[in-house]
């Protein structure tokens, strides 16, 4: 479900902006470097800022997990929701409710939220399920398929396939929604989706953990 949310957010930013990546930091790293060779300073600056904000989201969420969200898996989605609320409010303030393209500054809040969202699953202090890192997911899926062919089980790769499929379906859902609403309205829809997801993770994951512990 969280991978699907990442897909929705990625579609929101990409379809209603100048093609900014909020989930694909590999692409942003390439854009930051290639902008220098294309004499496109703005491309380098924007791509670099997106990377910085993504990393900042990871750092802030990790600090909060260490000090405030211990054993509370819904914490990162709360931070992501707040980031999207801020992005939506700022975008409306800058361009109004009816604008079709998102401004760049609100997108920085979105990518911050994506960075935070990627810390949702942590094991032994390390991220165990990078929700928007599709390249790594496909590599692990390929390795799992090889193990299955060598006598392993379907479970060796099925989980990674489902993670990839969830992200892709989320992107498709975001694309469909973008055909109906755009700009600030699309960002508001993404915020609502994130808030609903946050509620789901609390009532069906975090709360059950607390009940078991009591």
N, C-alpha and C. Protein backbone atom coordinates (compact mmCIF):
# COMPACT_ATOMS: atom_id res chain seq x y z
N UNK A 1 0.83 -1.21 0.00
CA UNK A 1 0.00 0.00 0.00
C UNK A 1 0.87 1.26 0.00
N UNK A 2 1.93 1.27 0.80
CA UNK A 2 2.81 2.43 0.85
C UNK A 2 3.58 2.61 -0.45
N UNK A 3 3.94 1.50 -1.10
CA UNK A 3 4.60 1.59 -2.41
C UNK A 3 3.64 2.20 -3.43
N UNK A 4 2.37 1.84 -3.33
CA UNK A 4 1.37 2.43 -4.21
C UNK A 4 1.24 3.92 -3.97
N UNK A 5 1.31 4.32 -2.70
CA UNK A 5 1.26 5.74 -2.36
C UNK A 5 2.44 6.48 -2.99
N UNK A 6 3.63 5.88 -2.92
CA UNK A 6 4.81 6.50 -3.54
C UNK A 6 4.60 6.66 -5.04
N UNK A 7 3.96 5.67 -5.67
CA UNK A 7 3.66 5.77 -7.09
C UNK A 7 2.72 6.91 -7.41
N UNK A 8 1.69 7.08 -6.58
CA UNK A 8 0.73 8.17 -6.77
C UNK A 8 1.43 9.53 -6.66
N UNK A 9 2.28 9.67 -5.65
CA UNK A 9 2.98 10.94 -5.44
C UNK A 9 3.94 11.23 -6.59
N UNK A 10 4.61 10.18 -7.08
CA UNK A 10 5.51 10.36 -8.21
C UNK A 10 4.76 10.82 -9.45
N UNK A 11 3.60 10.21 -9.69
CA UNK A 11 2.78 10.60 -10.84
C UNK A 11 2.27 12.02 -10.70
N UNK A 12 1.91 12.41 -9.48
CA UNK A 12 1.40 13.76 -9.23
C UNK A 12 2.43 14.81 -9.62
N UNK A 13 3.66 14.63 -9.14
CA UNK A 13 4.70 15.61 -9.41
C UNK A 13 5.12 15.61 -10.87
N UNK A 14 5.22 14.42 -11.48
CA UNK A 14 5.74 14.34 -12.84
C UNK A 14 4.74 14.86 -13.87
N UNK A 15 3.47 14.51 -13.71
CA UNK A 15 2.48 14.87 -14.73
C UNK A 15 2.05 16.33 -14.64
N UNK A 16 2.24 16.97 -13.50
CA UNK A 16 1.78 18.35 -13.34
C UNK A 16 2.92 19.28 -12.95
N UNK A 17 4.07 19.05 -13.56
CA UNK A 17 5.22 19.94 -13.36
C UNK A 17 6.05 19.90 -14.63
N UNK A 18 7.26 20.41 -14.55
CA UNK A 18 8.15 20.39 -15.71
C UNK A 18 8.87 19.04 -15.83
N UNK A 19 8.25 17.98 -15.32
CA UNK A 19 8.84 16.65 -15.41
C UNK A 19 9.81 16.34 -14.30
N UNK A 20 9.55 16.88 -13.09
CA UNK A 20 10.46 16.64 -11.96
C UNK A 20 10.23 15.25 -11.39
N UNK A 21 11.34 14.59 -11.01
CA UNK A 21 11.27 13.29 -10.36
C UNK A 21 11.27 13.48 -8.84
N UNK A 22 10.30 12.90 -8.15
CA UNK A 22 10.30 12.95 -6.68
C UNK A 22 10.58 11.58 -6.08
N UNK A 23 10.58 10.54 -6.91
CA UNK A 23 10.87 9.19 -6.42
C UNK A 23 12.14 8.62 -7.04
N UNK A 24 12.63 9.21 -8.09
CA UNK A 24 13.72 8.65 -8.90
C UNK A 24 14.99 9.48 -8.70
N UNK A 25 15.73 9.22 -7.61
CA UNK A 25 16.91 10.02 -7.33
C UNK A 25 18.08 9.71 -8.27
N UNK A 26 18.08 8.52 -8.86
CA UNK A 26 19.10 8.21 -9.86
C UNK A 26 18.96 9.17 -11.05
N UNK A 27 17.73 9.37 -11.48
CA UNK A 27 17.49 10.30 -12.57
C UNK A 27 17.87 11.72 -12.21
N UNK A 28 17.57 12.13 -10.98
CA UNK A 28 17.94 13.48 -10.55
C UNK A 28 19.45 13.66 -10.48
N UNK A 29 20.16 12.61 -10.04
CA UNK A 29 21.62 12.69 -9.99
C UNK A 29 22.20 12.88 -11.39
N UNK A 30 21.65 12.17 -12.36
CA UNK A 30 22.11 12.33 -13.74
C UNK A 30 21.77 13.71 -14.28
N UNK A 31 20.56 14.19 -13.99
CA UNK A 31 20.15 15.51 -14.47
C UNK A 31 21.04 16.61 -13.87
N UNK A 32 21.40 16.44 -12.59
CA UNK A 32 22.24 17.45 -11.93
C UNK A 32 23.60 17.57 -12.61
N UNK A 33 24.15 16.43 -13.02
CA UNK A 33 25.46 16.44 -13.67
C UNK A 33 25.35 16.88 -15.13
N UNK A 34 24.38 16.32 -15.84
CA UNK A 34 24.26 16.61 -17.27
C UNK A 34 23.86 18.05 -17.54
N UNK A 35 23.20 18.68 -16.56
CA UNK A 35 22.84 20.08 -16.72
C UNK A 35 24.07 20.96 -16.91
N UNK A 36 25.17 20.56 -16.29
CA UNK A 36 26.43 21.31 -16.43
C UNK A 36 26.92 21.26 -17.88
N UNK A 37 26.85 20.08 -18.48
CA UNK A 37 27.36 19.90 -19.84
C UNK A 37 26.42 20.48 -20.90
N UNK A 38 25.15 20.68 -20.51
CA UNK A 38 24.19 21.26 -21.45
C UNK A 38 24.02 22.76 -21.23
N UNK A 39 24.87 23.32 -20.36
CA UNK A 39 24.76 24.74 -20.01
C UNK A 39 23.37 25.10 -19.50
N UNK A 40 22.77 24.16 -18.80
CA UNK A 40 21.44 24.37 -18.22
C UNK A 40 21.59 24.44 -16.70
N UNK A 41 21.88 25.62 -16.21
CA UNK A 41 22.13 25.81 -14.78
C UNK A 41 20.89 25.47 -13.96
N UNK A 42 19.72 25.86 -14.46
CA UNK A 42 18.48 25.61 -13.72
C UNK A 42 18.24 24.12 -13.54
N UNK A 43 18.54 23.32 -14.57
CA UNK A 43 18.38 21.87 -14.46
C UNK A 43 19.26 21.31 -13.35
N UNK A 44 20.50 21.76 -13.30
CA UNK A 44 21.43 21.31 -12.26
C UNK A 44 20.96 21.72 -10.88
N UNK A 45 20.51 22.96 -10.75
CA UNK A 45 20.07 23.47 -9.45
C UNK A 45 18.83 22.72 -8.96
N UNK A 46 17.83 22.58 -9.82
CA UNK A 46 16.58 21.93 -9.40
C UNK A 46 16.81 20.47 -9.04
N UNK A 47 17.58 19.76 -9.86
CA UNK A 47 17.84 18.35 -9.58
C UNK A 47 18.61 18.19 -8.28
N UNK A 48 19.56 19.07 -8.04
CA UNK A 48 20.35 19.00 -6.80
C UNK A 48 19.49 19.29 -5.58
N UNK A 49 18.60 20.27 -5.69
CA UNK A 49 17.71 20.60 -4.58
C UNK A 49 16.75 19.46 -4.27
N UNK A 50 16.29 18.78 -5.31
CA UNK A 50 15.41 17.63 -5.10
C UNK A 50 16.14 16.53 -4.33
N UNK A 51 17.38 16.28 -4.68
CA UNK A 51 18.17 15.26 -3.97
C UNK A 51 18.38 15.66 -2.52
N UNK A 52 18.73 16.93 -2.29
CA UNK A 52 18.97 17.41 -0.92
C UNK A 52 17.71 17.27 -0.08
N UNK A 53 16.56 17.63 -0.63
CA UNK A 53 15.31 17.54 0.12
C UNK A 53 14.91 16.09 0.39
N UNK A 54 15.19 15.20 -0.57
CA UNK A 54 14.91 13.78 -0.37
C UNK A 54 15.73 13.24 0.80
N UNK A 55 17.02 13.53 0.78
CA UNK A 55 17.91 13.07 1.86
C UNK A 55 17.49 13.70 3.18
N UNK A 56 17.09 14.97 3.15
CA UNK A 56 16.64 15.64 4.38
C UNK A 56 15.42 14.94 4.96
N UNK A 57 14.51 14.49 4.09
CA UNK A 57 13.34 13.76 4.56
C UNK A 57 13.72 12.46 5.25
N UNK A 58 14.71 11.76 4.68
CA UNK A 58 15.20 10.52 5.29
C UNK A 58 15.82 10.81 6.65
N UNK A 59 16.65 11.86 6.72
CA UNK A 59 17.35 12.20 7.96
C UNK A 59 16.37 12.59 9.05
N UNK A 60 15.44 13.48 8.73
CA UNK A 60 14.47 13.95 9.74
C UNK A 60 13.60 12.81 10.22
N UNK A 61 13.11 11.98 9.30
CA UNK A 61 12.28 10.84 9.70
C UNK A 61 13.06 9.85 10.55
N UNK A 62 14.33 9.65 10.22
CA UNK A 62 15.17 8.73 11.01
C UNK A 62 15.43 9.27 12.41
N UNK A 63 15.64 10.58 12.52
CA UNK A 63 15.82 11.20 13.83
C UNK A 63 14.56 11.05 14.66
N UNK A 64 13.41 11.30 14.02
CA UNK A 64 12.13 11.17 14.73
C UNK A 64 11.88 9.72 15.16
N UNK A 65 12.25 8.77 14.29
CA UNK A 65 12.07 7.36 14.64
C UNK A 65 12.94 7.00 15.85
N UNK A 66 14.14 7.51 15.89
CA UNK A 66 15.05 7.18 16.98
C UNK A 66 14.57 7.76 18.32
N UNK A 67 13.98 8.95 18.28
CA UNK A 67 13.63 9.64 19.52
C UNK A 67 12.14 9.67 19.83
N UNK A 68 11.28 9.61 18.81
CA UNK A 68 9.85 9.79 19.06
C UNK A 68 8.98 8.65 18.54
N UNK A 69 9.41 7.95 17.48
CA UNK A 69 8.56 6.97 16.84
C UNK A 69 9.05 5.55 17.05
N UNK A 70 9.64 5.25 18.14
CA UNK A 70 10.15 3.91 18.39
C UNK A 70 8.98 2.91 18.35
N UNK A 71 9.11 1.91 17.46
CA UNK A 71 8.09 0.87 17.30
C UNK A 71 6.75 1.43 16.84
N UNK A 72 6.75 2.56 16.16
CA UNK A 72 5.52 3.14 15.61
C UNK A 72 5.68 3.28 14.10
N UNK A 73 5.31 2.26 13.32
CA UNK A 73 5.55 2.28 11.87
C UNK A 73 4.77 3.34 11.12
N UNK A 74 3.72 3.91 11.73
CA UNK A 74 2.94 4.91 11.01
C UNK A 74 3.58 6.29 11.06
N UNK A 75 4.64 6.47 11.84
CA UNK A 75 5.27 7.78 12.00
C UNK A 75 5.70 8.44 10.70
N UNK A 76 6.44 7.74 9.82
CA UNK A 76 6.87 8.37 8.57
C UNK A 76 5.71 8.82 7.69
N UNK A 77 4.60 8.07 7.68
CA UNK A 77 3.47 8.49 6.86
C UNK A 77 2.83 9.75 7.42
N UNK A 78 2.90 9.94 8.74
CA UNK A 78 2.40 11.18 9.34
C UNK A 78 3.23 12.36 8.84
N UNK A 79 4.55 12.20 8.86
CA UNK A 79 5.44 13.26 8.38
C UNK A 79 5.21 13.54 6.90
N UNK A 80 4.99 12.48 6.12
CA UNK A 80 4.71 12.66 4.70
C UNK A 80 3.41 13.41 4.49
N UNK A 81 2.39 13.09 5.29
CA UNK A 81 1.11 13.79 5.19
C UNK A 81 1.27 15.27 5.49
N UNK A 82 1.99 15.59 6.56
CA UNK A 82 2.23 17.00 6.90
C UNK A 82 2.99 17.72 5.77
N UNK A 83 3.94 17.02 5.17
CA UNK A 83 4.70 17.61 4.06
C UNK A 83 3.79 17.92 2.88
N UNK A 84 2.86 17.01 2.59
CA UNK A 84 1.94 17.22 1.48
C UNK A 84 0.94 18.33 1.77
N UNK A 85 0.50 18.42 3.03
CA UNK A 85 -0.39 19.52 3.41
C UNK A 85 0.31 20.85 3.19
N UNK A 86 1.58 20.93 3.62
CA UNK A 86 2.36 22.15 3.43
C UNK A 86 2.55 22.45 1.95
N UNK A 87 2.83 21.41 1.16
CA UNK A 87 3.02 21.60 -0.29
C UNK A 87 1.75 22.10 -0.95
N UNK A 88 0.61 21.52 -0.58
CA UNK A 88 -0.67 21.94 -1.17
C UNK A 88 -1.00 23.38 -0.81
N UNK A 89 -0.85 23.71 0.47
CA UNK A 89 -1.16 25.07 0.92
C UNK A 89 -0.26 26.09 0.22
N UNK A 90 1.02 25.76 0.10
CA UNK A 90 1.96 26.69 -0.53
C UNK A 90 1.67 26.84 -2.01
N UNK A 91 1.31 25.74 -2.67
CA UNK A 91 1.03 25.80 -4.09
C UNK A 91 -0.22 26.65 -4.37
N UNK A 92 -1.23 26.50 -3.53
CA UNK A 92 -2.44 27.32 -3.67
C UNK A 92 -2.12 28.78 -3.43
N UNK A 93 -1.28 29.04 -2.44
CA UNK A 93 -0.89 30.41 -2.13
C UNK A 93 -0.12 31.06 -3.28
N UNK A 94 0.74 30.28 -3.92
CA UNK A 94 1.58 30.82 -4.99
C UNK A 94 0.84 30.96 -6.32
N UNK A 95 -0.01 29.99 -6.62
CA UNK A 95 -0.63 29.99 -7.95
C UNK A 95 -2.13 29.87 -8.00
N UNK A 96 -2.76 29.68 -6.85
CA UNK A 96 -4.21 29.55 -6.85
C UNK A 96 -4.68 28.11 -7.02
N UNK A 97 -5.95 27.88 -6.78
CA UNK A 97 -6.55 26.56 -6.79
C UNK A 97 -6.69 25.99 -8.20
N UNK A 98 -6.80 26.85 -9.19
CA UNK A 98 -7.12 26.41 -10.55
C UNK A 98 -5.89 26.17 -11.43
N UNK A 99 -4.69 26.45 -10.95
CA UNK A 99 -3.52 26.30 -11.81
C UNK A 99 -3.29 24.84 -12.18
N UNK A 100 -2.78 24.63 -13.38
CA UNK A 100 -2.62 23.26 -13.89
C UNK A 100 -1.24 22.67 -13.62
N UNK A 101 -0.24 23.53 -13.40
CA UNK A 101 1.12 23.05 -13.13
C UNK A 101 1.54 23.41 -11.71
N UNK A 102 2.26 22.50 -11.07
CA UNK A 102 2.76 22.74 -9.72
C UNK A 102 4.00 23.62 -9.77
N UNK A 103 4.12 24.51 -8.80
CA UNK A 103 5.34 25.30 -8.67
C UNK A 103 6.46 24.43 -8.11
N UNK A 104 7.69 24.86 -8.32
CA UNK A 104 8.83 24.03 -7.92
C UNK A 104 8.98 23.91 -6.41
N UNK A 105 8.78 25.01 -5.68
CA UNK A 105 8.99 24.97 -4.23
C UNK A 105 8.06 23.96 -3.55
N UNK A 106 6.76 23.92 -3.87
CA UNK A 106 5.92 22.87 -3.27
C UNK A 106 6.40 21.46 -3.57
N UNK A 107 7.00 21.26 -4.74
CA UNK A 107 7.51 19.93 -5.09
C UNK A 107 8.64 19.53 -4.16
N UNK A 108 9.40 20.51 -3.67
CA UNK A 108 10.46 20.20 -2.71
C UNK A 108 9.88 19.59 -1.43
N UNK A 109 8.71 20.07 -1.02
CA UNK A 109 8.04 19.49 0.15
C UNK A 109 7.57 18.06 -0.16
N UNK A 110 7.12 17.85 -1.39
CA UNK A 110 6.68 16.50 -1.78
C UNK A 110 7.85 15.52 -1.74
N UNK A 111 8.99 15.92 -2.30
CA UNK A 111 10.14 15.01 -2.32
C UNK A 111 10.69 14.78 -0.91
N UNK A 112 10.57 15.78 -0.04
CA UNK A 112 10.92 15.60 1.38
C UNK A 112 10.04 14.51 1.99
N UNK A 113 8.75 14.57 1.68
CA UNK A 113 7.83 13.56 2.19
C UNK A 113 8.12 12.17 1.66
N UNK A 114 8.53 12.08 0.39
CA UNK A 114 8.90 10.79 -0.19
C UNK A 114 10.12 10.21 0.52
N UNK A 115 11.09 11.07 0.82
CA UNK A 115 12.26 10.62 1.57
C UNK A 115 11.86 10.06 2.92
N UNK A 116 10.96 10.76 3.61
CA UNK A 116 10.48 10.29 4.91
C UNK A 116 9.74 8.97 4.77
N UNK A 117 8.91 8.85 3.72
CA UNK A 117 8.11 7.64 3.51
C UNK A 117 8.99 6.41 3.34
N UNK A 118 10.16 6.59 2.75
CA UNK A 118 11.06 5.46 2.51
C UNK A 118 11.67 4.88 3.79
N UNK A 119 11.46 5.54 4.92
CA UNK A 119 11.96 5.01 6.19
C UNK A 119 10.88 4.23 6.94
N UNK A 120 9.78 3.92 6.28
CA UNK A 120 8.66 3.26 6.95
C UNK A 120 9.02 1.88 7.49
N UNK A 121 9.87 1.16 6.78
CA UNK A 121 10.24 -0.19 7.20
C UNK A 121 11.73 -0.24 7.52
N UNK A 122 12.03 -0.40 8.79
CA UNK A 122 13.42 -0.40 9.26
C UNK A 122 13.67 -1.67 10.07
N UNK A 123 14.81 -2.30 9.82
CA UNK A 123 15.21 -3.49 10.57
C UNK A 123 16.68 -3.35 10.93
N UNK A 124 16.96 -3.47 12.21
CA UNK A 124 18.34 -3.33 12.72
C UNK A 124 18.96 -1.99 12.32
N UNK A 125 18.13 -0.95 12.33
CA UNK A 125 18.63 0.38 12.03
C UNK A 125 18.78 0.71 10.56
N UNK A 126 18.46 -0.25 9.67
CA UNK A 126 18.58 -0.03 8.23
C UNK A 126 17.22 -0.17 7.57
N UNK A 127 17.01 0.58 6.49
CA UNK A 127 15.77 0.46 5.73
C UNK A 127 15.71 -0.92 5.09
N UNK A 128 14.65 -1.66 5.37
CA UNK A 128 14.52 -3.02 4.84
C UNK A 128 13.68 -3.07 3.57
N UNK A 129 12.78 -2.11 3.40
CA UNK A 129 11.94 -2.05 2.20
C UNK A 129 11.96 -0.63 1.65
N UNK A 130 12.86 -0.32 0.71
CA UNK A 130 12.89 1.01 0.10
C UNK A 130 11.73 1.15 -0.89
N UNK A 131 10.72 1.89 -0.51
CA UNK A 131 9.45 1.88 -1.23
C UNK A 131 9.54 2.43 -2.65
N UNK A 132 10.36 3.44 -2.87
CA UNK A 132 10.41 4.05 -4.21
C UNK A 132 11.66 3.68 -4.99
N UNK A 133 12.48 2.77 -4.45
CA UNK A 133 13.72 2.38 -5.11
C UNK A 133 13.43 1.18 -6.01
N UNK A 134 12.82 1.45 -7.17
CA UNK A 134 12.37 0.38 -8.05
C UNK A 134 13.54 -0.39 -8.65
N UNK A 135 14.64 0.28 -8.95
CA UNK A 135 15.81 -0.40 -9.52
C UNK A 135 16.29 -1.51 -8.59
N UNK A 136 16.45 -1.18 -7.31
CA UNK A 136 16.88 -2.17 -6.34
C UNK A 136 15.87 -3.29 -6.19
N UNK A 137 14.59 -2.94 -6.25
CA UNK A 137 13.54 -3.95 -6.15
C UNK A 137 13.61 -4.94 -7.30
N UNK A 138 13.83 -4.43 -8.51
CA UNK A 138 13.92 -5.31 -9.67
C UNK A 138 15.16 -6.20 -9.61
N UNK A 139 16.26 -5.66 -9.10
CA UNK A 139 17.48 -6.47 -8.93
C UNK A 139 17.21 -7.62 -7.97
N UNK A 140 16.58 -7.31 -6.84
CA UNK A 140 16.27 -8.35 -5.85
C UNK A 140 15.27 -9.36 -6.42
N UNK A 141 14.32 -8.88 -7.22
CA UNK A 141 13.37 -9.79 -7.83
C UNK A 141 14.08 -10.73 -8.80
N UNK A 142 15.00 -10.19 -9.61
CA UNK A 142 15.76 -11.03 -10.54
C UNK A 142 16.58 -12.08 -9.82
N UNK A 143 17.21 -11.69 -8.71
CA UNK A 143 17.97 -12.66 -7.92
C UNK A 143 17.05 -13.72 -7.34
N UNK A 144 15.86 -13.31 -6.92
CA UNK A 144 14.90 -14.26 -6.37
C UNK A 144 14.42 -15.25 -7.42
N UNK A 145 14.22 -14.76 -8.65
CA UNK A 145 13.82 -15.65 -9.74
C UNK A 145 14.90 -16.70 -10.00
N UNK A 146 16.15 -16.26 -9.97
CA UNK A 146 17.26 -17.21 -10.17
C UNK A 146 17.27 -18.27 -9.08
N UNK A 147 17.04 -17.85 -7.83
CA UNK A 147 17.01 -18.83 -6.73
C UNK A 147 15.85 -19.79 -6.90
N UNK A 148 14.71 -19.28 -7.37
CA UNK A 148 13.54 -20.13 -7.60
C UNK A 148 13.85 -21.17 -8.68
N UNK A 149 14.49 -20.73 -9.77
CA UNK A 149 14.85 -21.65 -10.85
C UNK A 149 15.87 -22.69 -10.40
N UNK A 150 16.66 -22.33 -9.38
CA UNK A 150 17.69 -23.24 -8.89
C UNK A 150 17.16 -24.18 -7.81
N UNK A 151 15.86 -24.17 -7.60
CA UNK A 151 15.27 -25.07 -6.62
C UNK A 151 14.65 -24.39 -5.42
N UNK A 152 14.62 -23.06 -5.44
CA UNK A 152 14.03 -22.33 -4.33
C UNK A 152 12.52 -22.25 -4.42
N UNK A 153 11.96 -21.25 -3.75
CA UNK A 153 10.51 -21.10 -3.70
C UNK A 153 10.08 -19.83 -4.41
N UNK A 154 8.79 -19.78 -4.75
CA UNK A 154 8.24 -18.61 -5.41
C UNK A 154 8.33 -17.38 -4.50
N UNK A 155 8.34 -17.63 -3.18
CA UNK A 155 8.44 -16.52 -2.23
C UNK A 155 9.77 -15.78 -2.34
N UNK A 156 10.76 -16.39 -3.00
CA UNK A 156 12.06 -15.75 -3.15
C UNK A 156 11.98 -14.46 -3.98
N UNK A 157 10.96 -14.37 -4.85
CA UNK A 157 10.84 -13.18 -5.70
C UNK A 157 9.45 -12.55 -5.69
N UNK A 158 8.44 -13.27 -5.21
CA UNK A 158 7.06 -12.78 -5.29
C UNK A 158 6.87 -11.46 -4.54
N UNK A 159 7.47 -11.35 -3.35
CA UNK A 159 7.31 -10.13 -2.57
C UNK A 159 7.84 -8.91 -3.30
N UNK A 160 8.98 -9.07 -3.97
CA UNK A 160 9.56 -7.95 -4.72
C UNK A 160 8.71 -7.60 -5.93
N UNK A 161 8.13 -8.64 -6.56
CA UNK A 161 7.24 -8.38 -7.68
C UNK A 161 6.01 -7.60 -7.23
N UNK A 162 5.45 -7.99 -6.09
CA UNK A 162 4.28 -7.29 -5.57
C UNK A 162 4.61 -5.85 -5.20
N UNK A 163 5.82 -5.63 -4.68
CA UNK A 163 6.25 -4.27 -4.36
C UNK A 163 6.34 -3.42 -5.63
N UNK A 164 6.94 -4.00 -6.67
CA UNK A 164 7.04 -3.30 -7.96
C UNK A 164 5.65 -3.05 -8.54
N UNK A 165 4.80 -4.08 -8.48
CA UNK A 165 3.45 -3.94 -9.03
C UNK A 165 2.65 -2.87 -8.29
N UNK A 166 2.81 -2.81 -6.97
CA UNK A 166 2.10 -1.80 -6.18
C UNK A 166 2.53 -0.40 -6.57
N UNK A 167 3.85 -0.21 -6.74
CA UNK A 167 4.35 1.10 -7.16
C UNK A 167 3.80 1.47 -8.53
N UNK A 168 3.82 0.52 -9.46
CA UNK A 168 3.34 0.78 -10.82
C UNK A 168 1.85 1.07 -10.84
N UNK A 169 1.08 0.32 -10.06
CA UNK A 169 -0.36 0.57 -9.99
C UNK A 169 -0.65 1.93 -9.37
N UNK A 170 0.16 2.30 -8.38
CA UNK A 170 0.01 3.63 -7.79
C UNK A 170 0.27 4.72 -8.80
N UNK A 171 1.32 4.53 -9.62
CA UNK A 171 1.62 5.50 -10.67
C UNK A 171 0.49 5.56 -11.69
N UNK A 172 -0.08 4.39 -12.02
CA UNK A 172 -1.19 4.36 -12.96
C UNK A 172 -2.42 5.06 -12.38
N UNK A 173 -2.68 4.83 -11.10
CA UNK A 173 -3.81 5.50 -10.44
C UNK A 173 -3.60 7.01 -10.44
N UNK A 174 -2.37 7.43 -10.16
CA UNK A 174 -2.06 8.85 -10.20
C UNK A 174 -2.25 9.42 -11.59
N UNK A 175 -1.86 8.65 -12.62
CA UNK A 175 -2.05 9.10 -13.99
C UNK A 175 -3.51 9.26 -14.35
N UNK A 176 -4.34 8.31 -13.90
CA UNK A 176 -5.78 8.40 -14.17
C UNK A 176 -6.38 9.62 -13.47
N UNK A 177 -6.00 9.82 -12.22
CA UNK A 177 -6.51 10.97 -11.47
C UNK A 177 -6.09 12.28 -12.13
N UNK A 178 -4.87 12.29 -12.69
CA UNK A 178 -4.37 13.52 -13.32
C UNK A 178 -5.16 13.89 -14.57
N UNK A 179 -5.89 12.93 -15.14
CA UNK A 179 -6.73 13.23 -16.29
C UNK A 179 -7.99 13.97 -15.89
N UNK A 180 -8.33 13.88 -14.61
CA UNK A 180 -9.56 14.50 -14.11
C UNK A 180 -9.29 15.83 -13.44
N UNK A 181 -8.26 15.85 -12.59
CA UNK A 181 -7.89 17.09 -11.89
C UNK A 181 -6.40 17.34 -12.12
N UNK A 182 -5.97 18.58 -11.89
CA UNK A 182 -4.56 18.88 -12.12
C UNK A 182 -4.03 19.91 -11.15
N UNK A 183 -2.71 20.05 -11.15
CA UNK A 183 -2.08 21.08 -10.35
C UNK A 183 -2.36 20.95 -8.87
N UNK A 184 -2.81 22.03 -8.27
CA UNK A 184 -3.08 22.07 -6.83
C UNK A 184 -4.14 21.06 -6.44
N UNK A 185 -5.13 20.86 -7.29
CA UNK A 185 -6.20 19.91 -6.99
C UNK A 185 -5.67 18.48 -6.94
N UNK A 186 -4.78 18.16 -7.86
CA UNK A 186 -4.15 16.84 -7.87
C UNK A 186 -3.32 16.65 -6.61
N UNK A 187 -2.62 17.68 -6.20
CA UNK A 187 -1.80 17.60 -4.99
C UNK A 187 -2.68 17.42 -3.76
N UNK A 188 -3.84 18.08 -3.76
CA UNK A 188 -4.78 17.92 -2.64
C UNK A 188 -5.31 16.49 -2.58
N UNK A 189 -5.59 15.90 -3.73
CA UNK A 189 -6.05 14.51 -3.77
C UNK A 189 -4.97 13.58 -3.23
N UNK A 190 -3.72 13.82 -3.63
CA UNK A 190 -2.61 13.01 -3.14
C UNK A 190 -2.46 13.14 -1.63
N UNK A 191 -2.71 14.33 -1.11
CA UNK A 191 -2.64 14.55 0.34
C UNK A 191 -3.70 13.74 1.06
N UNK A 192 -4.90 13.73 0.50
CA UNK A 192 -6.00 12.95 1.10
C UNK A 192 -5.67 11.46 1.08
N UNK A 193 -5.14 10.99 -0.05
CA UNK A 193 -4.75 9.58 -0.15
C UNK A 193 -3.70 9.23 0.90
N UNK A 194 -2.74 10.13 1.10
CA UNK A 194 -1.69 9.89 2.09
C UNK A 194 -2.27 9.88 3.50
N UNK A 195 -3.21 10.78 3.78
CA UNK A 195 -3.84 10.83 5.10
C UNK A 195 -4.62 9.55 5.39
N UNK A 196 -5.33 9.06 4.38
CA UNK A 196 -6.08 7.80 4.53
C UNK A 196 -5.12 6.65 4.78
N UNK A 197 -4.02 6.63 4.04
CA UNK A 197 -3.00 5.59 4.23
C UNK A 197 -2.41 5.64 5.63
N UNK A 198 -2.18 6.86 6.12
CA UNK A 198 -1.66 7.03 7.48
C UNK A 198 -2.62 6.43 8.50
N UNK A 199 -3.92 6.72 8.32
CA UNK A 199 -4.92 6.15 9.22
C UNK A 199 -4.95 4.64 9.16
N UNK A 200 -4.80 4.10 7.94
CA UNK A 200 -4.80 2.64 7.78
C UNK A 200 -3.62 2.01 8.49
N UNK A 201 -2.43 2.58 8.30
CA UNK A 201 -1.24 2.00 8.93
C UNK A 201 -1.33 2.07 10.45
N UNK A 202 -2.02 3.08 10.97
CA UNK A 202 -2.15 3.18 12.42
C UNK A 202 -3.12 2.13 12.96
N UNK A 203 -4.31 2.08 12.38
CA UNK A 203 -5.34 1.19 12.92
C UNK A 203 -5.09 -0.28 12.63
N UNK A 204 -4.38 -0.59 11.53
CA UNK A 204 -4.19 -1.98 11.16
C UNK A 204 -2.78 -2.49 11.40
N UNK A 205 -1.87 -1.62 11.77
CA UNK A 205 -0.49 -2.05 12.00
C UNK A 205 0.00 -1.61 13.36
N UNK A 206 0.09 -0.32 13.56
CA UNK A 206 0.65 0.22 14.80
C UNK A 206 -0.22 -0.14 15.99
N UNK A 207 -1.53 -0.01 15.85
CA UNK A 207 -2.43 -0.26 16.97
C UNK A 207 -2.42 -1.73 17.37
N UNK A 208 -2.37 -2.62 16.39
CA UNK A 208 -2.32 -4.06 16.70
C UNK A 208 -1.05 -4.41 17.45
N UNK A 209 0.05 -3.74 17.08
CA UNK A 209 1.32 -3.98 17.79
C UNK A 209 1.20 -3.57 19.25
N UNK A 210 0.58 -2.41 19.49
CA UNK A 210 0.42 -1.92 20.85
C UNK A 210 -0.50 -2.82 21.67
N UNK A 211 -1.55 -3.36 21.02
CA UNK A 211 -2.47 -4.26 21.72
C UNK A 211 -1.76 -5.54 22.13
N UNK A 212 -0.93 -6.08 21.22
CA UNK A 212 -0.19 -7.31 21.53
C UNK A 212 0.77 -7.09 22.68
N UNK A 213 1.42 -5.91 22.70
CA UNK A 213 2.39 -5.63 23.76
C UNK A 213 1.71 -5.47 25.12
N UNK A 214 0.45 -4.99 25.10
CA UNK A 214 -0.26 -4.80 26.37
C UNK A 214 -0.81 -6.13 26.89
